[in-house]
Amino acid sequence: MIDEKSVIEKIKKGDIDSYSILINEYQNNIYSLCLSIVKNVDDALDLTQEAFLIAYENIKNFKQEAKFSTWVYRIAYNLCVNFIKRKGEIFSLEDEDVTNVEIEDKTSSIWEEIEKDERIKMISEGLKRIKDSDRLIIELKDIKGLTYEEISIILSIPMGTVKSKLYRARENLKKVVEDIIKKGDFKK
């Protein structure tokens, strides 16, 4: 983990080379975010590069009230949503009806340990089949490990809304995974 504050201070004082530290630290996460939204490798690469360029051009205005990673995530998210809109596609974080079943991994037996790899594969397959907005919020929280506050900033929605959307997204994922299991519609 890097000391963002000192790196950013160096950049603000004119040390251009220090920006590569931030790029190296966050480029994979930003690319992953972009790819999950735009679904095209080349477009995701371009948007990732553009997000870092915009962040660099505006770093003197960055007040460090949030982490740099949160700020660049927000820039990338906005770029991706605008890109999707320009293409005439729709990307939204609209709610859907869900049931009240929790999805948690409480491994308690040796058989569950053995089946863990299989569950991971099914969850990965389920993530491919749920709505983009559901996948995005699950990826930000459960895969990238961002806090509710960071997700709230990135998506420009209240923290309570982040929690409810995450809950609903997990519910939708659980339903999809259950359908995969019931229908045997899973490719190992």
N, C-alpha and C. Protein backbone atom coordinates (compact mmCIF):
# COMPACT_ATOMS: atom_id res chain seq x y z
N MET A 1 0.85 -1.19 0.00
CA MET A 1 0.00 0.00 0.00
C MET A 1 0.88 1.24 0.00
N ILE A 2 0.50 2.19 -0.78
CA ILE A 2 1.30 3.40 -0.92
C ILE A 2 0.79 4.50 0.01
N ASP A 3 1.63 5.48 0.24
CA ASP A 3 1.23 6.66 0.99
C ASP A 3 0.73 7.70 -0.02
N GLU A 4 -0.59 7.64 -0.28
CA GLU A 4 -1.19 8.50 -1.31
C GLU A 4 -0.88 9.97 -1.09
N LYS A 5 -1.02 10.40 0.17
CA LYS A 5 -0.86 11.83 0.47
C LYS A 5 0.51 12.35 0.02
N SER A 6 1.55 11.63 0.39
CA SER A 6 2.89 12.12 0.05
C SER A 6 3.13 12.05 -1.46
N VAL A 7 2.62 11.01 -2.11
CA VAL A 7 2.77 10.90 -3.56
C VAL A 7 2.04 12.06 -4.25
N ILE A 8 0.83 12.34 -3.80
CA ILE A 8 0.05 13.43 -4.41
C ILE A 8 0.72 14.78 -4.17
N GLU A 9 1.27 14.96 -2.98
CA GLU A 9 1.98 16.22 -2.70
C GLU A 9 3.17 16.39 -3.64
N LYS A 10 3.89 15.29 -3.90
CA LYS A 10 5.02 15.36 -4.84
C LYS A 10 4.54 15.75 -6.23
N ILE A 11 3.44 15.17 -6.65
CA ILE A 11 2.90 15.47 -7.98
C ILE A 11 2.48 16.93 -8.06
N LYS A 12 1.81 17.40 -7.01
CA LYS A 12 1.37 18.80 -7.00
C LYS A 12 2.56 19.77 -7.04
N LYS A 13 3.71 19.31 -6.54
CA LYS A 13 4.92 20.16 -6.54
C LYS A 13 5.70 20.02 -7.84
N GLY A 14 5.16 19.21 -8.79
CA GLY A 14 5.80 19.13 -10.10
C GLY A 14 6.51 17.82 -10.41
N ASP A 15 6.51 16.87 -9.50
CA ASP A 15 7.17 15.58 -9.75
C ASP A 15 6.24 14.69 -10.57
N ILE A 16 6.29 14.86 -11.88
CA ILE A 16 5.40 14.16 -12.81
C ILE A 16 5.59 12.65 -12.72
N ASP A 17 6.82 12.20 -12.53
CA ASP A 17 7.10 10.76 -12.50
C ASP A 17 6.37 10.05 -11.36
N SER A 18 6.07 10.75 -10.29
CA SER A 18 5.37 10.12 -9.16
C SER A 18 3.96 9.68 -9.53
N TYR A 19 3.40 10.26 -10.58
CA TYR A 19 2.04 9.87 -10.98
C TYR A 19 1.99 8.41 -11.40
N SER A 20 3.10 7.89 -11.92
CA SER A 20 3.13 6.48 -12.32
C SER A 20 2.91 5.56 -11.13
N ILE A 21 3.25 6.00 -9.93
CA ILE A 21 3.01 5.20 -8.72
C ILE A 21 1.52 5.00 -8.53
N LEU A 22 0.76 6.09 -8.70
CA LEU A 22 -0.70 6.00 -8.56
C LEU A 22 -1.31 5.15 -9.67
N ILE A 23 -0.82 5.33 -10.87
CA ILE A 23 -1.33 4.53 -11.99
C ILE A 23 -1.08 3.05 -11.74
N ASN A 24 0.15 2.70 -11.38
CA ASN A 24 0.48 1.30 -11.12
C ASN A 24 -0.35 0.71 -9.99
N GLU A 25 -0.65 1.52 -9.00
CA GLU A 25 -1.42 1.04 -7.85
C GLU A 25 -2.89 0.77 -8.20
N TYR A 26 -3.48 1.59 -9.06
CA TYR A 26 -4.93 1.53 -9.26
C TYR A 26 -5.40 1.16 -10.67
N GLN A 27 -4.50 1.04 -11.62
CA GLN A 27 -4.95 0.83 -13.00
C GLN A 27 -5.74 -0.46 -13.19
N ASN A 28 -5.37 -1.53 -12.53
CA ASN A 28 -6.11 -2.78 -12.71
C ASN A 28 -7.54 -2.67 -12.18
N ASN A 29 -7.70 -2.02 -11.05
CA ASN A 29 -9.04 -1.85 -10.48
C ASN A 29 -9.90 -0.94 -11.35
N ILE A 30 -9.31 0.12 -11.85
CA ILE A 30 -10.07 1.04 -12.69
C ILE A 30 -10.44 0.36 -14.00
N TYR A 31 -9.49 -0.37 -14.58
CA TYR A 31 -9.78 -1.12 -15.82
C TYR A 31 -10.91 -2.12 -15.59
N SER A 32 -10.86 -2.82 -14.48
CA SER A 32 -11.89 -3.81 -14.15
C SER A 32 -13.26 -3.15 -14.03
N LEU A 33 -13.31 -1.99 -13.39
CA LEU A 33 -14.56 -1.24 -13.29
C LEU A 33 -15.07 -0.87 -14.68
N CYS A 34 -14.20 -0.32 -15.50
CA CYS A 34 -14.60 0.10 -16.85
C CYS A 34 -15.08 -1.09 -17.67
N LEU A 35 -14.36 -2.17 -17.61
CA LEU A 35 -14.73 -3.36 -18.38
C LEU A 35 -16.08 -3.91 -17.93
N SER A 36 -16.34 -3.86 -16.64
CA SER A 36 -17.62 -4.38 -16.15
C SER A 36 -18.79 -3.52 -16.61
N ILE A 37 -18.53 -2.27 -16.94
CA ILE A 37 -19.60 -1.39 -17.40
C ILE A 37 -19.72 -1.40 -18.92
N VAL A 38 -18.60 -1.25 -19.63
CA VAL A 38 -18.68 -1.09 -21.09
C VAL A 38 -18.59 -2.41 -21.86
N LYS A 39 -18.11 -3.45 -21.23
CA LYS A 39 -18.06 -4.81 -21.80
C LYS A 39 -17.22 -4.92 -23.08
N ASN A 40 -16.23 -4.08 -23.23
CA ASN A 40 -15.37 -4.14 -24.40
C ASN A 40 -13.95 -3.80 -23.95
N VAL A 41 -13.02 -4.70 -24.24
CA VAL A 41 -11.64 -4.55 -23.76
C VAL A 41 -11.01 -3.25 -24.24
N ASP A 42 -11.11 -2.96 -25.54
CA ASP A 42 -10.49 -1.75 -26.08
C ASP A 42 -11.10 -0.48 -25.49
N ASP A 43 -12.43 -0.45 -25.41
CA ASP A 43 -13.09 0.71 -24.82
C ASP A 43 -12.71 0.88 -23.35
N ALA A 44 -12.64 -0.24 -22.63
CA ALA A 44 -12.27 -0.19 -21.21
C ALA A 44 -10.84 0.34 -21.04
N LEU A 45 -9.95 -0.09 -21.90
CA LEU A 45 -8.57 0.42 -21.85
C LEU A 45 -8.53 1.92 -22.12
N ASP A 46 -9.26 2.35 -23.15
CA ASP A 46 -9.31 3.78 -23.48
C ASP A 46 -9.89 4.60 -22.33
N LEU A 47 -10.96 4.11 -21.75
CA LEU A 47 -11.62 4.84 -20.66
C LEU A 47 -10.75 4.87 -19.40
N THR A 48 -10.02 3.80 -19.17
CA THR A 48 -9.10 3.76 -18.03
C THR A 48 -8.02 4.82 -18.22
N GLN A 49 -7.45 4.85 -19.41
CA GLN A 49 -6.42 5.84 -19.72
C GLN A 49 -6.97 7.26 -19.59
N GLU A 50 -8.18 7.47 -20.09
CA GLU A 50 -8.79 8.79 -20.02
C GLU A 50 -9.06 9.20 -18.57
N ALA A 51 -9.49 8.25 -17.75
CA ALA A 51 -9.75 8.56 -16.34
C ALA A 51 -8.47 9.02 -15.64
N PHE A 52 -7.37 8.33 -15.89
CA PHE A 52 -6.11 8.74 -15.27
C PHE A 52 -5.60 10.07 -15.83
N LEU A 53 -5.84 10.32 -17.09
CA LEU A 53 -5.45 11.58 -17.69
C LEU A 53 -6.24 12.74 -17.07
N ILE A 54 -7.53 12.56 -16.93
CA ILE A 54 -8.37 13.60 -16.32
C ILE A 54 -7.96 13.82 -14.87
N ALA A 55 -7.70 12.74 -14.16
CA ALA A 55 -7.27 12.87 -12.76
C ALA A 55 -5.95 13.65 -12.69
N TYR A 56 -5.03 13.32 -13.58
CA TYR A 56 -3.74 14.03 -13.57
C TYR A 56 -3.92 15.52 -13.87
N GLU A 57 -4.73 15.80 -14.88
CA GLU A 57 -4.94 17.20 -15.25
C GLU A 57 -5.61 18.02 -14.14
N ASN A 58 -6.31 17.33 -13.25
CA ASN A 58 -7.05 18.02 -12.19
C ASN A 58 -6.50 17.75 -10.80
N ILE A 59 -5.34 17.15 -10.70
CA ILE A 59 -4.80 16.76 -9.39
C ILE A 59 -4.54 17.96 -8.48
N LYS A 60 -4.24 19.10 -9.08
CA LYS A 60 -4.02 20.29 -8.24
C LYS A 60 -5.29 20.71 -7.50
N ASN A 61 -6.44 20.34 -8.05
CA ASN A 61 -7.73 20.65 -7.41
C ASN A 61 -8.18 19.56 -6.43
N PHE A 62 -7.48 18.44 -6.41
CA PHE A 62 -7.85 17.33 -5.53
C PHE A 62 -7.53 17.71 -4.09
N LYS A 63 -8.58 17.74 -3.25
CA LYS A 63 -8.43 18.23 -1.88
C LYS A 63 -8.10 17.13 -0.87
N GLN A 64 -8.07 15.89 -1.30
CA GLN A 64 -7.75 14.74 -0.46
C GLN A 64 -8.73 14.55 0.69
N GLU A 65 -9.98 14.97 0.48
CA GLU A 65 -11.02 14.70 1.47
C GLU A 65 -11.43 13.23 1.39
N ALA A 66 -11.30 12.66 0.20
CA ALA A 66 -11.51 11.24 -0.03
C ALA A 66 -10.18 10.68 -0.52
N LYS A 67 -10.10 9.36 -0.63
CA LYS A 67 -8.88 8.76 -1.15
C LYS A 67 -8.79 9.01 -2.65
N PHE A 68 -7.57 9.04 -3.16
CA PHE A 68 -7.36 9.21 -4.59
C PHE A 68 -8.08 8.11 -5.36
N SER A 69 -8.02 6.89 -4.85
CA SER A 69 -8.66 5.77 -5.55
C SER A 69 -10.15 6.00 -5.70
N THR A 70 -10.79 6.53 -4.69
CA THR A 70 -12.22 6.82 -4.75
C THR A 70 -12.49 7.89 -5.80
N TRP A 71 -11.64 8.90 -5.82
CA TRP A 71 -11.79 9.99 -6.78
C TRP A 71 -11.64 9.49 -8.21
N VAL A 72 -10.61 8.69 -8.48
CA VAL A 72 -10.39 8.21 -9.84
C VAL A 72 -11.45 7.17 -10.23
N TYR A 73 -11.95 6.40 -9.26
CA TYR A 73 -13.08 5.50 -9.52
C TYR A 73 -14.28 6.32 -10.00
N ARG A 74 -14.53 7.42 -9.32
CA ARG A 74 -15.67 8.27 -9.67
C ARG A 74 -15.50 8.84 -11.08
N ILE A 75 -14.32 9.28 -11.39
CA ILE A 75 -14.05 9.81 -12.73
C ILE A 75 -14.29 8.72 -13.76
N ALA A 76 -13.75 7.54 -13.52
CA ALA A 76 -13.91 6.42 -14.46
C ALA A 76 -15.37 6.01 -14.60
N TYR A 77 -16.06 5.96 -13.49
CA TYR A 77 -17.49 5.59 -13.53
C TYR A 77 -18.27 6.59 -14.40
N ASN A 78 -18.05 7.87 -14.18
CA ASN A 78 -18.74 8.90 -14.97
C ASN A 78 -18.40 8.78 -16.46
N LEU A 79 -17.13 8.56 -16.75
CA LEU A 79 -16.72 8.40 -18.14
C LEU A 79 -17.44 7.21 -18.78
N CYS A 80 -17.51 6.10 -18.06
CA CYS A 80 -18.15 4.89 -18.60
C CYS A 80 -19.64 5.10 -18.82
N VAL A 81 -20.31 5.70 -17.86
CA VAL A 81 -21.74 5.95 -18.00
C VAL A 81 -22.00 6.88 -19.18
N ASN A 82 -21.20 7.92 -19.30
CA ASN A 82 -21.36 8.84 -20.44
C ASN A 82 -21.05 8.13 -21.76
N PHE A 83 -20.07 7.28 -21.77
CA PHE A 83 -19.73 6.50 -22.97
C PHE A 83 -20.90 5.62 -23.39
N ILE A 84 -21.50 4.94 -22.42
CA ILE A 84 -22.66 4.07 -22.69
C ILE A 84 -23.82 4.91 -23.23
N LYS A 85 -24.05 6.06 -22.63
CA LYS A 85 -25.14 6.94 -23.10
C LYS A 85 -24.91 7.41 -24.53
N ARG A 86 -23.66 7.77 -24.85
CA ARG A 86 -23.33 8.21 -26.20
C ARG A 86 -23.57 7.11 -27.23
N LYS A 87 -23.37 5.87 -26.81
CA LYS A 87 -23.60 4.73 -27.70
C LYS A 87 -25.09 4.41 -27.84
N GLY A 88 -25.91 5.08 -27.04
CA GLY A 88 -27.35 4.86 -27.10
C GLY A 88 -27.82 3.69 -26.26
N GLU A 89 -26.94 3.17 -25.40
CA GLU A 89 -27.32 2.08 -24.51
C GLU A 89 -27.76 2.67 -23.18
N ILE A 90 -28.33 1.83 -22.36
CA ILE A 90 -28.83 2.29 -21.07
C ILE A 90 -28.07 1.58 -19.96
N PHE A 91 -27.58 2.35 -19.01
CA PHE A 91 -26.96 1.80 -17.81
C PHE A 91 -27.56 2.54 -16.65
N SER A 92 -28.19 1.79 -15.75
CA SER A 92 -28.79 2.47 -14.60
C SER A 92 -28.67 1.61 -13.37
N LEU A 93 -28.85 2.24 -12.25
CA LEU A 93 -28.84 1.55 -10.96
C LEU A 93 -30.26 1.42 -10.43
N GLU A 94 -31.21 1.17 -11.32
CA GLU A 94 -32.62 1.04 -10.93
C GLU A 94 -32.82 -0.15 -10.02
N ASP A 95 -33.76 -0.03 -9.10
CA ASP A 95 -34.11 -1.13 -8.19
C ASP A 95 -35.06 -2.10 -8.86
N GLU A 96 -35.03 -3.34 -8.38
CA GLU A 96 -35.98 -4.36 -8.80
C GLU A 96 -36.55 -5.00 -7.54
N ASP A 97 -37.70 -5.68 -7.69
CA ASP A 97 -38.27 -6.40 -6.56
C ASP A 97 -37.39 -7.59 -6.21
N VAL A 98 -37.23 -7.84 -4.91
CA VAL A 98 -36.44 -8.99 -4.47
C VAL A 98 -37.13 -9.65 -3.29
N THR A 99 -36.70 -10.88 -2.96
CA THR A 99 -37.20 -11.56 -1.77
C THR A 99 -36.25 -11.31 -0.63
N ASN A 100 -36.61 -11.75 0.56
CA ASN A 100 -35.79 -11.50 1.73
C ASN A 100 -34.97 -12.72 2.14
N VAL A 101 -34.04 -13.11 1.29
CA VAL A 101 -33.16 -14.22 1.59
C VAL A 101 -31.74 -13.69 1.55
N GLU A 102 -30.94 -14.00 2.59
CA GLU A 102 -29.58 -13.50 2.64
C GLU A 102 -28.64 -14.44 1.92
N ILE A 103 -27.58 -13.87 1.35
CA ILE A 103 -26.53 -14.69 0.74
C ILE A 103 -25.27 -14.50 1.56
N GLU A 104 -24.89 -15.55 2.25
CA GLU A 104 -23.68 -15.51 3.04
C GLU A 104 -22.97 -16.84 2.92
N ASP A 105 -21.66 -16.80 2.99
CA ASP A 105 -20.87 -18.02 2.93
C ASP A 105 -20.40 -18.35 4.33
N LYS A 106 -21.10 -19.24 5.01
CA LYS A 106 -20.75 -19.67 6.35
C LYS A 106 -20.27 -21.11 6.27
N THR A 107 -19.01 -21.29 5.91
CA THR A 107 -18.47 -22.61 5.75
C THR A 107 -18.36 -23.27 7.11
N SER A 108 -19.04 -24.44 7.27
CA SER A 108 -19.05 -25.07 8.58
C SER A 108 -18.69 -26.55 8.53
N SER A 109 -18.49 -27.11 7.36
CA SER A 109 -18.13 -28.52 7.32
C SER A 109 -17.06 -28.77 6.28
N ILE A 110 -16.45 -29.94 6.37
CA ILE A 110 -15.41 -30.31 5.42
C ILE A 110 -15.96 -30.38 4.00
N TRP A 111 -17.22 -30.81 3.85
CA TRP A 111 -17.82 -30.90 2.52
C TRP A 111 -18.00 -29.53 1.90
N GLU A 112 -18.32 -28.57 2.70
CA GLU A 112 -18.45 -27.22 2.17
C GLU A 112 -17.10 -26.68 1.71
N GLU A 113 -16.03 -27.05 2.44
CA GLU A 113 -14.69 -26.65 2.01
C GLU A 113 -14.36 -27.26 0.66
N ILE A 114 -14.70 -28.51 0.49
CA ILE A 114 -14.44 -29.20 -0.77
C ILE A 114 -15.22 -28.55 -1.91
N GLU A 115 -16.43 -28.12 -1.61
CA GLU A 115 -17.30 -27.55 -2.63
C GLU A 115 -17.06 -26.05 -2.85
N LYS A 116 -16.18 -25.45 -2.08
CA LYS A 116 -15.96 -24.00 -2.17
C LYS A 116 -15.57 -23.56 -3.58
N ASP A 117 -14.65 -24.29 -4.21
CA ASP A 117 -14.23 -23.94 -5.56
C ASP A 117 -15.41 -23.99 -6.53
N GLU A 118 -16.25 -24.99 -6.38
CA GLU A 118 -17.43 -25.12 -7.24
C GLU A 118 -18.39 -23.94 -7.02
N ARG A 119 -18.56 -23.53 -5.78
CA ARG A 119 -19.43 -22.38 -5.48
C ARG A 119 -18.87 -21.10 -6.09
N ILE A 120 -17.56 -20.94 -6.01
CA ILE A 120 -16.93 -19.75 -6.60
C ILE A 120 -17.19 -19.71 -8.09
N LYS A 121 -17.06 -20.86 -8.75
CA LYS A 121 -17.32 -20.92 -10.19
C LYS A 121 -18.78 -20.59 -10.49
N MET A 122 -19.70 -21.10 -9.68
CA MET A 122 -21.12 -20.81 -9.90
C MET A 122 -21.44 -19.34 -9.66
N ILE A 123 -20.82 -18.76 -8.64
CA ILE A 123 -21.03 -17.34 -8.36
C ILE A 123 -20.47 -16.50 -9.52
N SER A 124 -19.30 -16.88 -10.02
CA SER A 124 -18.72 -16.16 -11.16
C SER A 124 -19.65 -16.24 -12.37
N GLU A 125 -20.21 -17.41 -12.61
CA GLU A 125 -21.17 -17.57 -13.71
C GLU A 125 -22.42 -16.73 -13.44
N GLY A 126 -22.89 -16.72 -12.19
CA GLY A 126 -24.05 -15.92 -11.83
C GLY A 126 -23.80 -14.44 -12.04
N LEU A 127 -22.60 -13.98 -11.71
CA LEU A 127 -22.27 -12.57 -11.91
C LEU A 127 -22.35 -12.17 -13.38
N LYS A 128 -22.05 -13.11 -14.27
CA LYS A 128 -22.13 -12.82 -15.70
C LYS A 128 -23.58 -12.66 -16.15
N ARG A 129 -24.51 -13.23 -15.38
CA ARG A 129 -25.91 -13.27 -15.82
C ARG A 129 -26.81 -12.24 -15.16
N ILE A 130 -26.32 -11.53 -14.15
CA ILE A 130 -27.17 -10.53 -13.50
C ILE A 130 -27.02 -9.18 -14.19
N LYS A 131 -27.89 -8.25 -13.82
CA LYS A 131 -27.86 -6.90 -14.40
C LYS A 131 -26.49 -6.25 -14.15
N ASP A 132 -26.08 -5.42 -15.09
CA ASP A 132 -24.81 -4.72 -14.96
C ASP A 132 -24.72 -3.92 -13.67
N SER A 133 -25.78 -3.25 -13.31
CA SER A 133 -25.76 -2.41 -12.10
C SER A 133 -25.61 -3.28 -10.85
N ASP A 134 -26.23 -4.46 -10.84
CA ASP A 134 -26.08 -5.37 -9.70
C ASP A 134 -24.65 -5.89 -9.63
N ARG A 135 -24.11 -6.29 -10.77
CA ARG A 135 -22.75 -6.82 -10.81
C ARG A 135 -21.76 -5.74 -10.35
N LEU A 136 -21.96 -4.52 -10.80
CA LEU A 136 -21.06 -3.43 -10.45
C LEU A 136 -21.00 -3.22 -8.94
N ILE A 137 -22.15 -3.15 -8.30
CA ILE A 137 -22.15 -2.85 -6.86
C ILE A 137 -21.57 -4.02 -6.06
N ILE A 138 -21.81 -5.25 -6.52
CA ILE A 138 -21.21 -6.42 -5.85
C ILE A 138 -19.70 -6.40 -6.05
N GLU A 139 -19.25 -6.09 -7.26
CA GLU A 139 -17.81 -6.03 -7.52
C GLU A 139 -17.12 -4.97 -6.66
N LEU A 140 -17.74 -3.80 -6.56
CA LEU A 140 -17.13 -2.72 -5.78
C LEU A 140 -17.00 -3.10 -4.31
N LYS A 141 -18.04 -3.71 -3.75
CA LYS A 141 -18.02 -4.03 -2.31
C LYS A 141 -17.34 -5.36 -2.02
N ASP A 142 -17.79 -6.42 -2.66
CA ASP A 142 -17.35 -7.75 -2.28
C ASP A 142 -16.06 -8.21 -2.96
N ILE A 143 -15.76 -7.67 -4.11
CA ILE A 143 -14.55 -8.10 -4.81
C ILE A 143 -13.43 -7.07 -4.62
N LYS A 144 -13.75 -5.80 -4.83
CA LYS A 144 -12.73 -4.75 -4.67
C LYS A 144 -12.54 -4.34 -3.21
N GLY A 145 -13.53 -4.63 -2.37
CA GLY A 145 -13.41 -4.34 -0.95
C GLY A 145 -13.58 -2.88 -0.58
N LEU A 146 -14.28 -2.11 -1.42
CA LEU A 146 -14.49 -0.71 -1.10
C LEU A 146 -15.50 -0.58 0.05
N THR A 147 -15.41 0.52 0.77
CA THR A 147 -16.35 0.77 1.86
C THR A 147 -17.67 1.29 1.28
N TYR A 148 -18.72 1.25 2.11
CA TYR A 148 -20.00 1.81 1.68
C TYR A 148 -19.85 3.28 1.32
N GLU A 149 -19.05 3.99 2.10
CA GLU A 149 -18.84 5.42 1.86
C GLU A 149 -18.16 5.65 0.51
N GLU A 150 -17.14 4.85 0.20
CA GLU A 150 -16.45 5.00 -1.08
C GLU A 150 -17.39 4.72 -2.24
N ILE A 151 -18.19 3.67 -2.11
CA ILE A 151 -19.15 3.33 -3.16
C ILE A 151 -20.18 4.44 -3.31
N SER A 152 -20.60 5.01 -2.19
CA SER A 152 -21.55 6.12 -2.21
C SER A 152 -21.00 7.30 -3.01
N ILE A 153 -19.73 7.60 -2.81
CA ILE A 153 -19.09 8.70 -3.53
C ILE A 153 -18.97 8.36 -5.01
N ILE A 154 -18.50 7.16 -5.32
CA ILE A 154 -18.29 6.75 -6.71
C ILE A 154 -19.59 6.79 -7.50
N LEU A 155 -20.66 6.25 -6.91
CA LEU A 155 -21.93 6.15 -7.62
C LEU A 155 -22.85 7.35 -7.42
N SER A 156 -22.43 8.29 -6.59
CA SER A 156 -23.23 9.49 -6.28
C SER A 156 -24.63 9.13 -5.77
N ILE A 157 -24.67 8.20 -4.84
CA ILE A 157 -25.94 7.83 -4.20
C ILE A 157 -25.72 7.79 -2.69
N PRO A 158 -26.77 8.01 -1.91
CA PRO A 158 -26.61 7.98 -0.45
C PRO A 158 -26.13 6.60 0.04
N MET A 159 -25.44 6.61 1.19
CA MET A 159 -24.89 5.38 1.73
C MET A 159 -25.99 4.34 2.02
N GLY A 160 -27.13 4.79 2.50
CA GLY A 160 -28.24 3.87 2.74
C GLY A 160 -28.71 3.20 1.46
N THR A 161 -28.69 3.95 0.37
CA THR A 161 -29.07 3.40 -0.93
C THR A 161 -28.04 2.38 -1.39
N VAL A 162 -26.76 2.64 -1.12
CA VAL A 162 -25.71 1.67 -1.45
C VAL A 162 -26.01 0.35 -0.74
N LYS A 163 -26.33 0.44 0.55
CA LYS A 163 -26.58 -0.78 1.32
C LYS A 163 -27.80 -1.54 0.78
N SER A 164 -28.87 -0.81 0.48
CA SER A 164 -30.07 -1.50 -0.03
C SER A 164 -29.83 -2.07 -1.42
N LYS A 165 -29.13 -1.33 -2.27
CA LYS A 165 -28.84 -1.84 -3.62
C LYS A 165 -27.92 -3.06 -3.56
N LEU A 166 -26.96 -3.03 -2.64
CA LEU A 166 -26.06 -4.17 -2.48
C LEU A 166 -26.85 -5.38 -2.00
N TYR A 167 -27.74 -5.17 -1.05
CA TYR A 167 -28.57 -6.27 -0.56
C TYR A 167 -29.39 -6.86 -1.70
N ARG A 168 -30.03 -6.00 -2.46
CA ARG A 168 -30.86 -6.48 -3.58
C ARG A 168 -30.02 -7.17 -4.65
N ALA A 169 -28.85 -6.63 -4.91
CA ALA A 169 -27.97 -7.24 -5.91
C ALA A 169 -27.54 -8.64 -5.46
N ARG A 170 -27.23 -8.77 -4.18
CA ARG A 170 -26.85 -10.09 -3.66
C ARG A 170 -28.02 -11.06 -3.74
N GLU A 171 -29.22 -10.55 -3.48
CA GLU A 171 -30.42 -11.38 -3.59
C GLU A 171 -30.61 -11.86 -5.02
N ASN A 172 -30.45 -10.94 -5.96
CA ASN A 172 -30.58 -11.31 -7.38
C ASN A 172 -29.53 -12.33 -7.79
N LEU A 173 -28.31 -12.15 -7.29
CA LEU A 173 -27.25 -13.10 -7.58
C LEU A 173 -27.59 -14.47 -7.01
N LYS A 174 -28.11 -14.47 -5.81
CA LYS A 174 -28.49 -15.75 -5.17
C LYS A 174 -29.55 -16.46 -6.01
N LYS A 175 -30.55 -15.73 -6.48
CA LYS A 175 -31.59 -16.34 -7.32
C LYS A 175 -31.00 -16.94 -8.59
N VAL A 176 -30.11 -16.20 -9.23
CA VAL A 176 -29.51 -16.67 -10.48
C VAL A 176 -28.68 -17.93 -10.22
N VAL A 177 -27.90 -17.92 -9.15
CA VAL A 177 -27.08 -19.09 -8.83
C VAL A 177 -27.98 -20.29 -8.50
N GLU A 178 -29.07 -20.05 -7.78
CA GLU A 178 -30.01 -21.14 -7.49
C GLU A 178 -30.60 -21.70 -8.78
N ASP A 179 -30.93 -20.83 -9.73
CA ASP A 179 -31.44 -21.29 -11.02
C ASP A 179 -30.39 -22.11 -11.78
N ILE A 180 -29.16 -21.67 -11.71
CA ILE A 180 -28.08 -22.41 -12.36
C ILE A 180 -28.00 -23.82 -11.78
N ILE A 181 -28.10 -23.91 -10.47
CA ILE A 181 -28.02 -25.21 -9.80
C ILE A 181 -29.23 -26.07 -10.17
N LYS A 182 -30.44 -25.50 -10.08
CA LYS A 182 -31.66 -26.25 -10.36
C LYS A 182 -31.71 -26.76 -11.79
N LYS A 183 -31.31 -25.91 -12.73
CA LYS A 183 -31.40 -26.27 -14.15
C LYS A 183 -30.16 -27.01 -14.65
N GLY A 184 -29.15 -27.10 -13.80
CA GLY A 184 -27.92 -27.74 -14.25
C GLY A 184 -27.28 -26.96 -15.38
N ASP A 185 -27.52 -25.66 -15.41
CA ASP A 185 -27.10 -24.79 -16.49
C ASP A 185 -25.73 -24.17 -16.17
N PHE A 186 -24.79 -25.02 -15.83
CA PHE A 186 -23.50 -24.53 -15.41
C PHE A 186 -22.40 -25.27 -16.16
N LYS A 187 -21.50 -24.52 -16.76
CA LYS A 187 -20.38 -25.12 -17.49
C LYS A 187 -19.16 -25.08 -16.62
N LYS A 188 -18.64 -26.24 -16.26
CA LYS A 188 -17.48 -26.31 -15.36
C LYS A 188 -16.20 -25.98 -16.05
